[in-house]
Amino acid sequence: QDYIAGYAPGIPFLCASSVLQTYLPCNNELNKSYCVMGFMVASNTALDFLLVSVRKMGTFGMGLATSVSYIFSAVIMIPLFLKKSKAYHFEWKRISFRNMRETLRLGLPEVLFNLGITIRSYLVNLTVMHSIGPAGIAALNVENTLLCFLGAIPHGTGNAFTLMTSIYYGERDRDSLKALTGTALKTGLMLSSAATVILMAGSGLISRVFFPEGGETCLLTQQMLLCFASCFVFNTVFTIWIRLLQIEEHMKIVDLMNLLEQLFIAATAIGGMQLIGVTAIWLAQPVSEILCLLAIGIRIVSGLHRFPRTAEEWMKLPKDFGAKAED
């Protein structure tokens, strides 16, 4: 409760920072993007120390430190978009609320994704607490930490892919769209495969970083790493595929899959516990991603009434999509 009270004032600035951070590279200011991110992290850390350790403001101080770091980053970035010489800049006269309905429609997948995470977290935490106890919750916390950290691979790939794909799709540049999709898949799979190998090969060492060797929590964490690590590979493919469908405005399947991805995890964990025990909790992430990929594939096959023969058919690109050669 105290943390939320300190964190809440920074939410509008968090939203502003997230949007502006996306467009800094479009203005050829990638280094400034890195600097702002570094300053945000550094100021948050320094303020945590000042407000919690020095001023003794407790969890309220932790929330306030994060809030103020968001304010700092937004204040730094906003002036960078006031120059009309930049490709992306503010023009107050062109603000239009007529686009709000379309904005909400295109933003719905993110809302459903976060709703799914909330439901999944509640159900899985409850299951682990009742079936394993505090040691399971501790191992689950490590899994969530790794998801936040290494999730940057599929989400970073997906964000870069979305930004560039939206341009190529708008320009009806079929060849560049196909090439970019291939590049995103190769890059994302290479990085996510490396992360999977490192987590599995180093499962024992990583577990001992978090917990004392030989204890129940350490053994559960090692088991978790061996079972769950492959999820990044499948999630990379899912993220790129679903972002492509979103760019093409197949919004029904995008909305549905963003919610189902998280509900599949909860269902796999809870249902699997009855069959194979605690291992089901750790397998829930990769199994859910596989189910999502199968669901999208089945949807595309049913729409074509046959198995897709080309990459374009898997991408759901219409045959007449693409500008003429002279254009």
C-alpha atoms as a PDB file:
ATOM      1  CA  GLN A   1       0.000   0.000   0.000  1.00  0.00           C
ATOM      2  CA  ASP A   2       2.847   2.372   0.891  1.00  0.00           C
ATOM      3  CA  TYR A   3       4.763   1.476  -2.266  1.00  0.00           C
ATOM      4  CA  ILE A   4       1.743   2.169  -4.517  1.00  0.00           C
ATOM      5  CA  ALA A   5       1.240   5.564  -2.825  1.00  0.00           C
ATOM      6  CA  GLY A   6       4.802   6.564  -3.733  1.00  0.00           C
ATOM      7  CA  TYR A   7       4.748   4.976  -7.184  1.00  0.00           C
ATOM      8  CA  ALA A   8       1.393   6.331  -8.432  1.00  0.00           C
ATOM      9  CA  PRO A   9       2.429   9.970  -9.152  1.00  0.00           C
ATOM     10  CA  GLY A  10       5.006   8.751 -11.666  1.00  0.00           C
ATOM     11  CA  ILE A  11       2.580   6.704 -13.792  1.00  0.00           C
ATOM     12  CA  PRO A  12       1.780   9.501 -16.342  1.00  0.00           C
ATOM     13  CA  PHE A  13       5.521  10.106 -16.734  1.00  0.00           C
ATOM     14  CA  LEU A  14       6.150   6.368 -17.138  1.00  0.00           C
ATOM     15  CA  CYS A  15       3.639   6.362 -20.014  1.00  0.00           C
ATOM     16  CA  ALA A  16       5.267   9.438 -21.585  1.00  0.00           C
ATOM     17  CA  SER A  17       8.773   7.977 -21.196  1.00  0.00           C
ATOM     18  CA  SER A  18       7.766   4.654 -22.751  1.00  0.00           C
ATOM     19  CA  VAL A  19       6.290   6.363 -25.823  1.00  0.00           C
ATOM     20  CA  LEU A  20       9.121   8.862 -26.284  1.00  0.00           C
ATOM     21  CA  GLN A  21      11.792   6.174 -25.762  1.00  0.00           C
ATOM     22  CA  THR A  22      10.308   4.289 -28.718  1.00  0.00           C
ATOM     23  CA  TYR A  23      10.657   7.258 -31.077  1.00  0.00           C
ATOM     24  CA  LEU A  24      14.118   8.530 -30.129  1.00  0.00           C
ATOM     25  CA  PRO A  25      15.827   6.023 -32.484  1.00  0.00           C
ATOM     26  CA  CYS A  26      13.514   7.228 -35.289  1.00  0.00           C
ATOM     27  CA  ASN A  27      15.105  10.657 -34.878  1.00  0.00           C
ATOM     28  CA  ASN A  28      18.542   9.058 -35.209  1.00  0.00           C
ATOM     29  CA  GLU A  29      19.172   9.604 -31.493  1.00  0.00           C
ATOM     30  CA  LEU A  30      19.894   6.061 -30.369  1.00  0.00           C
ATOM     31  CA  ASN A  31      22.764   7.145 -28.081  1.00  0.00           C
ATOM     32  CA  LYS A  32      20.463   9.578 -26.282  1.00  0.00           C
ATOM     33  CA  SER A  33      17.992   6.736 -25.857  1.00  0.00           C
ATOM     34  CA  TYR A  34      20.696   4.705 -24.092  1.00  0.00           C
ATOM     35  CA  CYS A  35      21.717   7.708 -21.963  1.00  0.00           C
ATOM     36  CA  VAL A  36      18.134   8.364 -20.824  1.00  0.00           C
ATOM     37  CA  MET A  37      17.666   4.708 -19.893  1.00  0.00           C
ATOM     38  CA  GLY A  38      20.977   4.706 -17.992  1.00  0.00           C
ATOM     39  CA  PHE A  39      20.053   7.916 -16.167  1.00  0.00           C
ATOM     40  CA  MET A  40      16.641   6.473 -15.233  1.00  0.00           C
ATOM     41  CA  VAL A  41      18.243   3.381 -13.677  1.00  0.00           C
ATOM     42  CA  ALA A  42      21.021   5.362 -11.957  1.00  0.00           C
ATOM     43  CA  SER A  43      18.657   7.976 -10.494  1.00  0.00           C
ATOM     44  CA  ASN A  44      16.280   5.261  -9.278  1.00  0.00           C
ATOM     45  CA  THR A  45      19.155   3.462  -7.520  1.00  0.00           C
ATOM     46  CA  ALA A  46      20.544   6.672  -5.975  1.00  0.00           C
ATOM     47  CA  LEU A  47      17.119   7.801  -4.801  1.00  0.00           C
ATOM     48  CA  ASP A  48      16.409   4.348  -3.323  1.00  0.00           C
ATOM     49  CA  PHE A  49      19.535   4.747  -1.188  1.00  0.00           C
ATOM     50  CA  LEU A  50      18.733   8.364  -0.263  1.00  0.00           C
ATOM     51  CA  LEU A  51      15.043   7.921   0.570  1.00  0.00           C
ATOM     52  CA  VAL A  52      15.196   4.452   2.152  1.00  0.00           C
ATOM     53  CA  SER A  53      18.616   4.241   3.826  1.00  0.00           C
ATOM     54  CA  VAL A  54      19.209   7.914   4.645  1.00  0.00           C
ATOM     55  CA  ARG A  55      15.716   9.420   5.021  1.00  0.00           C
ATOM     56  CA  LYS A  56      14.191   6.161   6.391  1.00  0.00           C
ATOM     57  CA  MET A  57      11.035   6.467   4.255  1.00  0.00           C
ATOM     58  CA  GLY A  58      10.616   2.690   3.854  1.00  0.00           C
ATOM     59  CA  THR A  59       8.595   1.174   1.018  1.00  0.00           C
ATOM     60  CA  PHE A  60       6.917   4.530   0.353  1.00  0.00           C
ATOM     61  CA  GLY A  61      10.402   5.902  -0.358  1.00  0.00           C
ATOM     62  CA  MET A  62      11.120   3.019  -2.753  1.00  0.00           C
ATOM     63  CA  GLY A  63       7.964   3.790  -4.713  1.00  0.00           C
ATOM     64  CA  LEU A  64       8.700   7.509  -4.695  1.00  0.00           C
ATOM     65  CA  ALA A  65      12.250   6.898  -5.961  1.00  0.00           C
ATOM     66  CA  THR A  66      10.899   5.014  -8.980  1.00  0.00           C
ATOM     67  CA  SER A  67       8.258   7.700  -9.541  1.00  0.00           C
ATOM     68  CA  VAL A  68      10.812  10.533  -9.502  1.00  0.00           C
ATOM     69  CA  SER A  69      13.148   8.632 -11.881  1.00  0.00           C
ATOM     70  CA  TYR A  70      10.272   8.425 -14.413  1.00  0.00           C
ATOM     71  CA  ILE A  71       9.654  12.174 -14.011  1.00  0.00           C
ATOM     72  CA  PHE A  72      13.357  12.883 -14.620  1.00  0.00           C
ATOM     73  CA  SER A  73      13.443  10.775 -17.804  1.00  0.00           C
ATOM     74  CA  ALA A  74      10.282  12.376 -19.239  1.00  0.00           C
ATOM     75  CA  VAL A  75      11.565  15.895 -18.475  1.00  0.00           C
ATOM     76  CA  ILE A  76      14.850  15.071 -20.256  1.00  0.00           C
ATOM     77  CA  MET A  77      13.151  13.603 -23.356  1.00  0.00           C
ATOM     78  CA  ILE A  78      10.289  16.040 -23.961  1.00  0.00           C
ATOM     79  CA  PRO A  79      12.573  18.924 -25.159  1.00  0.00           C
ATOM     80  CA  LEU A  80      14.126  16.528 -27.713  1.00  0.00           C
ATOM     81  CA  PHE A  81      10.759  16.437 -29.519  1.00  0.00           C
ATOM     82  CA  LEU A  82      10.139  20.189 -29.577  1.00  0.00           C
ATOM     83  CA  LYS A  83      12.489  20.894 -32.497  1.00  0.00           C
ATOM     84  CA  LYS A  84      10.593  20.988 -35.797  1.00  0.00           C
ATOM     85  CA  SER A  85      13.750  19.944 -37.624  1.00  0.00           C
ATOM     86  CA  LYS A  86      13.315  16.426 -36.196  1.00  0.00           C
ATOM     87  CA  ALA A  87      11.416  13.785 -38.188  1.00  0.00           C
ATOM     88  CA  TYR A  88       9.248  13.074 -35.151  1.00  0.00           C
ATOM     89  CA  HIS A  89       8.230  16.143 -33.159  1.00  0.00           C
ATOM     90  CA  PHE A  90       5.281  17.686 -31.321  1.00  0.00           C
ATOM     91  CA  GLU A  91       2.825  19.873 -33.210  1.00  0.00           C
ATOM     92  CA  TRP A  92       0.198  20.987 -30.734  1.00  0.00           C
ATOM     93  CA  LYS A  93      -2.204  22.171 -33.476  1.00  0.00           C
ATOM     94  CA  ARG A  94      -2.351  18.636 -34.910  1.00  0.00           C
ATOM     95  CA  ILE A  95      -3.472  16.889 -31.734  1.00  0.00           C
ATOM     96  CA  SER A  96      -6.639  14.987 -32.642  1.00  0.00           C
ATOM     97  CA  PHE A  97      -8.927  13.128 -30.271  1.00  0.00           C
ATOM     98  CA  ARG A  98     -10.769  11.602 -33.224  1.00  0.00           C
ATOM     99  CA  ASN A  99      -8.079   8.925 -33.271  1.00  0.00           C
ATOM    100  CA  MET A 100      -8.781   7.888 -29.674  1.00  0.00           C
ATOM    101  CA  ARG A 101     -11.202   5.093 -30.565  1.00  0.00           C
ATOM    102  CA  GLU A 102      -8.748   3.573 -33.036  1.00  0.00           C
ATOM    103  CA  THR A 103      -5.946   3.941 -30.479  1.00  0.00           C
ATOM    104  CA  LEU A 104      -7.954   2.030 -27.889  1.00  0.00           C
ATOM    105  CA  ARG A 105      -8.804  -0.694 -30.417  1.00  0.00           C
ATOM    106  CA  LEU A 106      -5.173  -1.204 -31.381  1.00  0.00           C
ATOM    107  CA  GLY A 107      -4.048  -1.038 -27.742  1.00  0.00           C
ATOM    108  CA  LEU A 108      -6.541  -3.641 -26.500  1.00  0.00           C
ATOM    109  CA  PRO A 109      -4.107  -6.601 -26.912  1.00  0.00           C
ATOM    110  CA  GLU A 110      -1.754  -5.048 -24.342  1.00  0.00           C
ATOM    111  CA  VAL A 111      -4.642  -4.636 -21.879  1.00  0.00           C
ATOM    112  CA  LEU A 112      -5.712  -8.266 -22.376  1.00  0.00           C
ATOM    113  CA  PHE A 113      -2.101  -9.457 -22.024  1.00  0.00           C
ATOM    114  CA  ASN A 114      -1.750  -7.698 -18.655  1.00  0.00           C
ATOM    115  CA  LEU A 115      -5.168  -8.923 -17.536  1.00  0.00           C
ATOM    116  CA  GLY A 116      -4.022 -12.457 -18.385  1.00  0.00           C
ATOM    117  CA  ILE A 117      -0.812 -11.999 -16.363  1.00  0.00           C
ATOM    118  CA  THR A 118      -2.846 -10.867 -13.341  1.00  0.00           C
ATOM    119  CA  ILE A 119      -5.175 -13.893 -13.512  1.00  0.00           C
ATOM    120  CA  ARG A 120      -2.280 -16.295 -14.215  1.00  0.00           C
ATOM    121  CA  SER A 121      -0.161 -14.960 -11.345  1.00  0.00           C
ATOM    122  CA  TYR A 122      -3.021 -15.291  -8.863  1.00  0.00           C
ATOM    123  CA  LEU A 123      -3.928 -18.859  -9.886  1.00  0.00           C
ATOM    124  CA  VAL A 124      -0.350 -20.177 -10.190  1.00  0.00           C
ATOM    125  CA  ASN A 125       0.763 -18.579  -6.902  1.00  0.00           C
ATOM    126  CA  LEU A 126      -2.239 -20.115  -5.153  1.00  0.00           C
ATOM    127  CA  THR A 127      -1.491 -23.545  -6.653  1.00  0.00           C
ATOM    128  CA  VAL A 128       2.199 -23.430  -5.725  1.00  0.00           C
ATOM    129  CA  MET A 129       1.487 -22.234  -2.172  1.00  0.00           C
ATOM    130  CA  HIS A 130      -0.997 -25.049  -1.515  1.00  0.00           C
ATOM    131  CA  SER A 131       0.929 -27.839  -3.256  1.00  0.00           C
ATOM    132  CA  ILE A 132       4.597 -26.993  -2.564  1.00  0.00           C
ATOM    133  CA  GLY A 133       4.712 -24.192  -0.001  1.00  0.00           C
ATOM    134  CA  PRO A 134       7.114 -21.273   0.517  1.00  0.00           C
ATOM    135  CA  ALA A 135      10.032 -23.068  -1.194  1.00  0.00           C
ATOM    136  CA  GLY A 136       7.968 -23.286  -4.393  1.00  0.00           C
ATOM    137  CA  ILE A 137       7.031 -19.599  -4.176  1.00  0.00           C
ATOM    138  CA  ALA A 138      10.730 -18.724  -3.821  1.00  0.00           C
ATOM    139  CA  ALA A 139      11.612 -20.758  -6.945  1.00  0.00           C
ATOM    140  CA  LEU A 140       8.661 -19.205  -8.786  1.00  0.00           C
ATOM    141  CA  ASN A 141       9.989 -15.769  -7.856  1.00  0.00           C
ATOM    142  CA  VAL A 142      13.324 -16.631  -9.516  1.00  0.00           C
ATOM    143  CA  GLU A 143      11.424 -17.738 -12.638  1.00  0.00           C
ATOM    144  CA  ASN A 144       9.551 -14.415 -12.729  1.00  0.00           C
ATOM    145  CA  THR A 145      12.815 -12.491 -12.277  1.00  0.00           C
ATOM    146  CA  LEU A 146      14.377 -14.326 -15.225  1.00  0.00           C
ATOM    147  CA  LEU A 147      11.228 -13.748 -17.301  1.00  0.00           C
ATOM    148  CA  CYS A 148      11.506 -10.006 -16.652  1.00  0.00           C
ATOM    149  CA  PHE A 149      15.232  -9.926 -17.466  1.00  0.00           C
ATOM    150  CA  LEU A 150      15.585 -12.378 -20.389  1.00  0.00           C
ATOM    151  CA  GLY A 151      12.111 -11.516 -21.671  1.00  0.00           C
ATOM    152  CA  ALA A 152      13.909  -8.500 -23.152  1.00  0.00           C
ATOM    153  CA  ILE A 153      15.021 -10.834 -25.975  1.00  0.00           C
ATOM    154  CA  PRO A 154      11.585 -11.711 -27.444  1.00  0.00           C
ATOM    155  CA  HIS A 155      10.030  -8.365 -26.468  1.00  0.00           C
ATOM    156  CA  GLY A 156      12.963  -6.290 -27.727  1.00  0.00           C
ATOM    157  CA  THR A 157      12.984  -8.211 -30.993  1.00  0.00           C
ATOM    158  CA  GLY A 158       9.213  -7.833 -31.217  1.00  0.00           C
ATOM    159  CA  ASN A 159       9.257  -4.086 -30.530  1.00  0.00           C
ATOM    160  CA  ALA A 160      11.937  -3.364 -33.145  1.00  0.00           C
ATOM    161  CA  PHE A 161      10.127  -5.647 -35.589  1.00  0.00           C
ATOM    162  CA  THR A 162       6.776  -3.915 -34.990  1.00  0.00           C
ATOM    163  CA  LEU A 163       8.167  -0.423 -35.540  1.00  0.00           C
ATOM    164  CA  MET A 164       9.922  -1.324 -38.815  1.00  0.00           C
ATOM    165  CA  THR A 165       7.206  -3.667 -40.087  1.00  0.00           C
ATOM    166  CA  SER A 166       4.522  -1.002 -39.685  1.00  0.00           C
ATOM    167  CA  ILE A 167       6.500   1.192 -42.083  1.00  0.00           C
ATOM    168  CA  TYR A 168       7.024  -1.546 -44.674  1.00  0.00           C
ATOM    169  CA  TYR A 169       3.404  -2.677 -44.415  1.00  0.00           C
ATOM    170  CA  GLY A 170       2.164   0.889 -44.867  1.00  0.00           C
ATOM    171  CA  GLU A 171       4.405   1.251 -47.930  1.00  0.00           C
ATOM    172  CA  ARG A 172       3.132  -2.123 -49.255  1.00  0.00           C
ATOM    173  CA  ASP A 173       6.749  -3.255 -49.584  1.00  0.00           C
ATOM    174  CA  ARG A 174       6.253  -7.012 -49.789  1.00  0.00           C
ATOM    175  CA  ASP A 175       9.911  -7.990 -50.286  1.00  0.00           C
ATOM    176  CA  SER A 176      11.209  -5.887 -47.394  1.00  0.00           C
ATOM    177  CA  LEU A 177       8.424  -7.203 -45.150  1.00  0.00           C
ATOM    178  CA  LYS A 178       9.434 -10.803 -45.872  1.00  0.00           C
ATOM    179  CA  ALA A 179      13.138 -10.048 -45.453  1.00  0.00           C
ATOM    180  CA  LEU A 180      12.555  -8.249 -42.142  1.00  0.00           C
ATOM    181  CA  THR A 181      10.471 -11.124 -40.793  1.00  0.00           C
ATOM    182  CA  GLY A 182      13.270 -13.554 -41.636  1.00  0.00           C
ATOM    183  CA  THR A 183      15.867 -11.312 -40.008  1.00  0.00           C
ATOM    184  CA  ALA A 184      13.786 -10.911 -36.844  1.00  0.00           C
ATOM    185  CA  LEU A 185      13.267 -14.675 -36.553  1.00  0.00           C
ATOM    186  CA  LYS A 186      16.968 -15.471 -37.087  1.00  0.00           C
ATOM    187  CA  THR A 187      18.153 -12.811 -34.643  1.00  0.00           C
ATOM    188  CA  GLY A 188      15.552 -13.574 -31.988  1.00  0.00           C
ATOM    189  CA  LEU A 189      16.021 -17.353 -32.205  1.00  0.00           C
ATOM    190  CA  MET A 190      19.803 -17.063 -32.048  1.00  0.00           C
ATOM    191  CA  LEU A 191      19.661 -14.938 -28.876  1.00  0.00           C
ATOM    192  CA  SER A 192      16.852 -16.905 -27.193  1.00  0.00           C
ATOM    193  CA  SER A 193      18.550 -20.250 -27.973  1.00  0.00           C
ATOM    194  CA  ALA A 194      21.762 -18.955 -26.392  1.00  0.00           C
ATOM    195  CA  ALA A 195      19.810 -17.869 -23.291  1.00  0.00           C
ATOM    196  CA  THR A 196      18.161 -21.312 -23.078  1.00  0.00           C
ATOM    197  CA  VAL A 197      21.501 -23.142 -23.294  1.00  0.00           C
ATOM    198  CA  ILE A 198      23.075 -20.892 -20.637  1.00  0.00           C
ATOM    199  CA  LEU A 199      20.154 -21.339 -18.224  1.00  0.00           C
ATOM    200  CA  MET A 200      20.090 -25.120 -18.617  1.00  0.00           C
ATOM    201  CA  ALA A 201      23.869 -25.635 -18.554  1.00  0.00           C
ATOM    202  CA  GLY A 202      24.287 -23.270 -15.607  1.00  0.00           C
ATOM    203  CA  SER A 203      21.163 -24.344 -13.700  1.00  0.00           C
ATOM    204  CA  GLY A 204      23.162 -25.601 -10.702  1.00  0.00           C
ATOM    205  CA  LEU A 205      25.347 -22.501 -10.449  1.00  0.00           C
ATOM    206  CA  ILE A 206      22.426 -20.078 -10.964  1.00  0.00           C
ATOM    207  CA  SER A 207      20.397 -21.852  -8.261  1.00  0.00           C
ATOM    208  CA  ARG A 208      23.280 -21.485  -5.786  1.00  0.00           C
ATOM    209  CA  VAL A 209      23.449 -17.750  -6.518  1.00  0.00           C
ATOM    210  CA  PHE A 210      19.927 -17.384  -5.128  1.00  0.00           C
ATOM    211  CA  PHE A 211      19.762 -20.068  -2.400  1.00  0.00           C
ATOM    212  CA  PRO A 212      22.042 -22.215  -0.162  1.00  0.00           C
ATOM    213  CA  GLU A 213      23.290 -25.370  -1.884  1.00  0.00           C
ATOM    214  CA  GLY A 214      21.450 -28.618  -1.164  1.00  0.00           C
ATOM    215  CA  GLY A 215      18.309 -27.046   0.278  1.00  0.00           C
ATOM    216  CA  GLU A 216      14.799 -27.756  -1.005  1.00  0.00           C
ATOM    217  CA  THR A 217      14.493 -24.298  -2.589  1.00  0.00           C
ATOM    218  CA  CYS A 218      17.832 -24.647  -4.407  1.00  0.00           C
ATOM    219  CA  LEU A 219      16.844 -28.061  -5.831  1.00  0.00           C
ATOM    220  CA  LEU A 220      13.421 -26.763  -6.916  1.00  0.00           C
ATOM    221  CA  THR A 221      15.059 -23.761  -8.616  1.00  0.00           C
ATOM    222  CA  GLN A 222      17.473 -26.031 -10.497  1.00  0.00           C
ATOM    223  CA  GLN A 223      14.567 -28.202 -11.659  1.00  0.00           C
ATOM    224  CA  MET A 224      12.663 -25.066 -12.695  1.00  0.00           C
ATOM    225  CA  LEU A 225      15.588 -23.815 -14.819  1.00  0.00           C
ATOM    226  CA  LEU A 226      15.947 -27.133 -16.654  1.00  0.00           C
ATOM    227  CA  CYS A 227      12.215 -27.311 -17.465  1.00  0.00           C
ATOM    228  CA  PHE A 228      11.289 -23.698 -18.147  1.00  0.00           C
ATOM    229  CA  ALA A 229      14.346 -22.340 -20.037  1.00  0.00           C
ATOM    230  CA  SER A 230      13.136 -23.278 -23.542  1.00  0.00           C
ATOM    231  CA  CYS A 231      10.137 -20.925 -23.275  1.00  0.00           C
ATOM    232  CA  PHE A 232      12.199 -17.997 -24.653  1.00  0.00           C
ATOM    233  CA  VAL A 233      12.684 -19.786 -27.993  1.00  0.00           C
ATOM    234  CA  PHE A 234       8.963 -20.457 -28.481  1.00  0.00           C
ATOM    235  CA  ASN A 235       7.963 -17.036 -27.144  1.00  0.00           C
ATOM    236  CA  THR A 236      10.240 -15.320 -29.669  1.00  0.00           C
ATOM    237  CA  VAL A 237       8.421 -17.000 -32.563  1.00  0.00           C
ATOM    238  CA  PHE A 238       5.020 -16.294 -30.987  1.00  0.00           C
ATOM    239  CA  THR A 239       5.852 -12.611 -30.360  1.00  0.00           C
ATOM    240  CA  ILE A 240       7.024 -11.978 -33.937  1.00  0.00           C
ATOM    241  CA  TRP A 241       4.061 -13.845 -35.437  1.00  0.00           C
ATOM    242  CA  ILE A 242       1.440 -12.111 -33.289  1.00  0.00           C
ATOM    243  CA  ARG A 243       3.003  -8.666 -33.888  1.00  0.00           C
ATOM    244  CA  LEU A 244       2.888  -9.288 -37.638  1.00  0.00           C
ATOM    245  CA  LEU A 245      -0.806 -10.232 -37.423  1.00  0.00           C
ATOM    246  CA  GLN A 246      -1.417  -7.076 -35.373  1.00  0.00           C
ATOM    247  CA  ILE A 247       0.241  -4.899 -38.032  1.00  0.00           C
ATOM    248  CA  GLU A 248      -2.035  -6.557 -40.614  1.00  0.00           C
ATOM    249  CA  GLU A 249      -4.983  -5.764 -38.275  1.00  0.00           C
ATOM    250  CA  HIS A 250      -6.169  -9.325 -37.675  1.00  0.00           C
ATOM    251  CA  MET A 251      -7.268  -7.974 -34.312  1.00  0.00           C
ATOM    252  CA  LYS A 252      -9.647 -10.738 -33.183  1.00  0.00           C
ATOM    253  CA  ILE A 253      -6.970 -13.441 -33.147  1.00  0.00           C
ATOM    254  CA  VAL A 254      -4.415 -10.993 -31.687  1.00  0.00           C
ATOM    255  CA  ASP A 255      -6.742  -9.999 -28.836  1.00  0.00           C
ATOM    256  CA  LEU A 256      -7.654 -13.628 -28.134  1.00  0.00           C
ATOM    257  CA  MET A 257      -4.078 -14.959 -28.170  1.00  0.00           C
ATOM    258  CA  ASN A 258      -2.730 -12.215 -25.897  1.00  0.00           C
ATOM    259  CA  LEU A 259      -5.208 -13.322 -23.235  1.00  0.00           C
ATOM    260  CA  LEU A 260      -5.000 -17.069 -23.931  1.00  0.00           C
ATOM    261  CA  GLU A 261      -1.193 -17.133 -23.702  1.00  0.00           C
ATOM    262  CA  GLN A 262      -1.384 -16.403 -19.965  1.00  0.00           C
ATOM    263  CA  LEU A 263      -4.498 -18.507 -19.328  1.00  0.00           C
ATOM    264  CA  PHE A 264      -2.797 -21.497 -21.016  1.00  0.00           C
ATOM    265  CA  ILE A 265       0.033 -21.178 -18.476  1.00  0.00           C
ATOM    266  CA  ALA A 266      -2.397 -21.276 -15.540  1.00  0.00           C
ATOM    267  CA  ALA A 267      -4.382 -24.183 -17.024  1.00  0.00           C
ATOM    268  CA  THR A 268      -1.232 -26.205 -17.811  1.00  0.00           C
ATOM    269  CA  ALA A 269       0.205 -25.634 -14.339  1.00  0.00           C
ATOM    270  CA  ILE A 270      -2.988 -26.458 -12.445  1.00  0.00           C
ATOM    271  CA  GLY A 271      -4.071 -29.379 -14.663  1.00  0.00           C
ATOM    272  CA  GLY A 272      -0.565 -30.803 -14.968  1.00  0.00           C
ATOM    273  CA  MET A 273      -0.081 -30.847 -11.180  1.00  0.00           C
ATOM    274  CA  GLN A 274      -2.635 -33.649 -11.007  1.00  0.00           C
ATOM    275  CA  LEU A 275      -0.701 -35.735 -13.563  1.00  0.00           C
ATOM    276  CA  ILE A 276       3.042 -35.140 -13.130  1.00  0.00           C
ATOM    277  CA  GLY A 277       3.324 -33.096  -9.943  1.00  0.00           C
ATOM    278  CA  VAL A 278       5.504 -30.030  -9.440  1.00  0.00           C
ATOM    279  CA  THR A 279       7.253 -30.418 -12.802  1.00  0.00           C
ATOM    280  CA  ALA A 280       4.044 -29.185 -14.461  1.00  0.00           C
ATOM    281  CA  ILE A 281       4.523 -25.756 -12.852  1.00  0.00           C
ATOM    282  CA  TRP A 282       7.916 -25.336 -14.511  1.00  0.00           C
ATOM    283  CA  LEU A 283       6.819 -26.777 -17.867  1.00  0.00           C
ATOM    284  CA  ALA A 284       3.752 -24.517 -18.035  1.00  0.00           C
ATOM    285  CA  GLN A 285       5.599 -21.621 -19.754  1.00  0.00           C
ATOM    286  CA  PRO A 286       7.073 -23.522 -22.754  1.00  0.00           C
ATOM    287  CA  VAL A 287       3.974 -25.732 -23.140  1.00  0.00           C
ATOM    288  CA  SER A 288       1.764 -22.623 -23.213  1.00  0.00           C
ATOM    289  CA  GLU A 289       3.892 -21.039 -25.958  1.00  0.00           C
ATOM    290  CA  ILE A 290       3.679 -24.236 -28.035  1.00  0.00           C
ATOM    291  CA  LEU A 291      -0.115 -24.311 -27.599  1.00  0.00           C
ATOM    292  CA  CYS A 292      -0.294 -20.674 -28.754  1.00  0.00           C
ATOM    293  CA  LEU A 293       1.747 -21.425 -31.882  1.00  0.00           C
ATOM    294  CA  LEU A 294      -0.478 -24.425 -32.642  1.00  0.00           C
ATOM    295  CA  ALA A 295      -3.621 -22.308 -32.148  1.00  0.00           C
ATOM    296  CA  ILE A 296      -2.403 -19.628 -34.595  1.00  0.00           C
ATOM    297  CA  GLY A 297      -1.331 -22.304 -37.087  1.00  0.00           C
ATOM    298  CA  ILE A 298      -4.712 -24.050 -36.894  1.00  0.00           C
ATOM    299  CA  ARG A 299      -6.473 -20.691 -37.405  1.00  0.00           C
ATOM    300  CA  ILE A 300      -4.437 -19.987 -40.537  1.00  0.00           C
ATOM    301  CA  VAL A 301      -4.934 -23.523 -41.906  1.00  0.00           C
ATOM    302  CA  SER A 302      -8.693 -23.329 -41.320  1.00  0.00           C
ATOM    303  CA  GLY A 303      -8.833 -19.963 -43.099  1.00  0.00           C
ATOM    304  CA  LEU A 304      -7.015 -21.354 -46.147  1.00  0.00           C
ATOM    305  CA  HIS A 305      -8.831 -24.721 -46.014  1.00  0.00           C
ATOM    306  CA  ARG A 306      -5.433 -26.354 -46.618  1.00  0.00           C
ATOM    307  CA  PHE A 307      -1.887 -26.421 -45.255  1.00  0.00           C
ATOM    308  CA  PRO A 308       0.087 -23.230 -46.108  1.00  0.00           C
ATOM    309  CA  ARG A 309       2.716 -23.782 -48.825  1.00  0.00           C
ATOM    310  CA  THR A 310       4.692 -20.541 -48.604  1.00  0.00           C
ATOM    311  CA  ALA A 311       6.040 -18.095 -46.011  1.00  0.00           C
ATOM    312  CA  GLU A 312       3.576 -15.485 -47.314  1.00  0.00           C
ATOM    313  CA  GLU A 313       0.643 -17.778 -46.499  1.00  0.00           C
ATOM    314  CA  TRP A 314       1.933 -18.314 -42.953  1.00  0.00           C
ATOM    315  CA  MET A 315       2.263 -14.513 -42.733  1.00  0.00           C
ATOM    316  CA  LYS A 316      -1.349 -14.142 -43.995  1.00  0.00           C
ATOM    317  CA  LEU A 317      -0.216 -11.772 -46.734  1.00  0.00           C
ATOM    318  CA  PRO A 318      -2.895 -11.381 -49.433  1.00  0.00           C
ATOM    319  CA  LYS A 319      -1.807 -12.314 -52.970  1.00  0.00           C
ATOM    320  CA  ASP A 320      -2.471  -8.783 -54.200  1.00  0.00           C
ATOM    321  CA  PHE A 321      -0.458  -7.161 -51.381  1.00  0.00           C
ATOM    322  CA  GLY A 322       2.507  -5.132 -52.584  1.00  0.00           C
ATOM    323  CA  ALA A 323       3.174  -2.049 -54.659  1.00  0.00           C
ATOM    324  CA  LYS A 324       3.798  -2.424 -58.406  1.00  0.00           C
ATOM    325  CA  ALA A 325       7.441  -2.679 -59.490  1.00  0.00           C
ATOM    326  CA  GLU A 326       7.387   0.844 -60.974  1.00  0.00           C
ATOM    327  CA  ASP A 327       6.136   2.233 -57.658  1.00  0.00           C
END
